[in-house]
Amino acid sequence: MKYVTITTWEIADGTDYDITLRGIVEKRLPALKDLGASRVTVVRTSERTSAAITEWPDEATRDAAEAAIAAVRDKVHHEDMTRMTGEMKGAVVAEA
């Protein structure tokens, strides 16, 4: 069964969103794909916030990547001046 994580992020005040996004697209999204993610979508939700929706083939794949995901998140925080503000995760129970 597919598994999804949704994380919310905020960039530091005064940080250029487009520059931050470029780094995330070039470095962070490929890292998640390398860990087994099927798809990663980033949605800009305000001037300084985004949501990342990461789809995994199953919960086991996501769980196996847990330590590496924590390392990616730490890099996002320190290198991209972005902080995670929330996380939701769970099995996909319906799709259209």
Protein backbone atom coordinates (compact mmCIF):
# COMPACT_ATOMS: atom_id res chain seq x y z
CA MET A 1 0.00 0.00 0.00
CA LYS A 2 1.36 3.45 -0.94
CA TYR A 3 2.53 5.67 1.89
CA VAL A 4 2.71 9.49 1.95
CA THR A 5 4.47 12.06 4.09
CA ILE A 6 3.46 15.70 4.06
CA THR A 7 5.89 18.12 5.64
CA THR A 8 5.49 21.86 5.99
CA TRP A 9 8.42 24.26 5.80
CA GLU A 10 9.18 27.92 6.39
CA ILE A 11 12.20 29.80 5.02
CA ALA A 12 14.03 32.29 7.19
CA ASP A 13 12.86 35.89 7.03
CA GLY A 14 14.84 37.78 4.40
CA THR A 15 15.82 34.62 2.52
CA ASP A 16 15.14 34.53 -1.23
CA TYR A 17 12.49 31.85 -1.84
CA ASP A 18 13.57 31.15 -5.42
CA ILE A 19 17.21 30.60 -4.45
CA THR A 20 16.17 28.32 -1.61
CA LEU A 21 13.82 26.38 -3.88
CA ARG A 22 16.56 25.89 -6.48
CA GLY A 23 18.77 24.24 -3.86
CA ILE A 24 15.94 22.03 -2.71
CA VAL A 25 15.09 20.96 -6.27
CA GLU A 26 18.73 20.28 -7.14
CA LYS A 27 19.81 18.54 -3.92
CA ARG A 28 17.01 17.53 -1.55
CA LEU A 29 14.41 16.11 -3.93
CA PRO A 30 16.92 13.83 -5.69
CA ALA A 31 18.11 12.65 -2.26
CA LEU A 32 14.57 11.58 -1.37
CA LYS A 33 14.19 9.81 -4.72
CA ASP A 34 17.50 8.01 -4.09
CA LEU A 35 16.06 6.80 -0.77
CA GLY A 36 13.13 5.19 -2.57
CA ALA A 37 10.50 7.91 -2.85
CA SER A 38 8.27 7.43 -5.89
CA ARG A 39 7.44 11.11 -6.25
CA VAL A 40 8.07 14.40 -4.44
CA THR A 41 5.88 17.46 -4.95
CA VAL A 42 6.54 20.89 -3.42
CA VAL A 43 3.63 23.32 -3.10
CA ARG A 44 4.23 26.97 -2.27
CA THR A 45 1.64 27.90 0.36
CA SER A 46 2.65 31.52 1.09
CA GLU A 47 5.53 33.94 0.56
CA ARG A 48 7.71 32.03 3.02
CA THR A 49 6.09 28.59 3.36
CA SER A 50 5.83 25.37 1.40
CA ALA A 51 4.48 21.86 1.79
CA ALA A 52 6.39 18.83 0.51
CA ILE A 53 4.32 15.78 -0.40
CA THR A 54 6.45 12.67 -0.69
CA GLU A 55 4.98 9.45 -2.04
CA TRP A 56 6.56 6.12 -1.14
CA PRO A 57 5.82 2.67 -2.56
CA ASP A 58 5.00 1.48 0.98
CA GLU A 59 5.54 2.26 4.65
CA ALA A 60 8.47 -0.17 4.92
CA THR A 61 10.42 1.75 2.25
CA ARG A 62 9.79 5.03 4.08
CA ASP A 63 10.72 3.53 7.45
CA ALA A 64 13.95 2.06 6.06
CA ALA A 65 14.95 5.56 4.96
CA GLU A 66 14.17 7.22 8.32
CA ALA A 67 17.76 7.94 9.42
CA ALA A 68 18.76 9.27 6.00
CA ILE A 69 15.62 11.45 5.87
CA ALA A 70 16.60 12.96 9.22
CA ALA A 71 20.01 13.82 7.75
CA VAL A 72 18.38 15.46 4.69
CA ARG A 73 16.11 17.49 6.96
CA ASP A 74 19.09 18.64 9.02
CA LYS A 75 20.85 19.81 5.86
CA VAL A 76 17.73 21.65 4.72
CA HIS A 77 17.61 23.45 8.06
CA HIS A 78 21.30 24.42 8.18
CA GLU A 79 22.16 24.88 4.51
CA ASP A 80 18.89 26.16 3.04
CA MET A 81 17.83 28.31 6.02
CA THR A 82 14.52 26.48 6.20
CA ARG A 83 12.77 24.91 9.17
CA MET A 84 10.22 22.13 9.23
CA THR A 85 7.00 23.31 10.87
CA GLY A 86 4.95 20.12 10.70
CA GLU A 87 4.63 16.56 9.48
CA MET A 88 1.79 14.20 8.69
CA LYS A 89 2.16 10.69 7.32
CA GLY A 90 0.09 7.67 6.56
CA ALA A 91 -1.08 5.00 4.16
CA VAL A 92 -2.99 6.03 1.06
CA VAL A 93 -6.53 4.69 1.47
CA ALA A 94 -8.21 6.17 -1.63
CA GLU A 95 -7.17 7.80 -4.91
CA ALA A 96 -8.93 9.15 -7.98
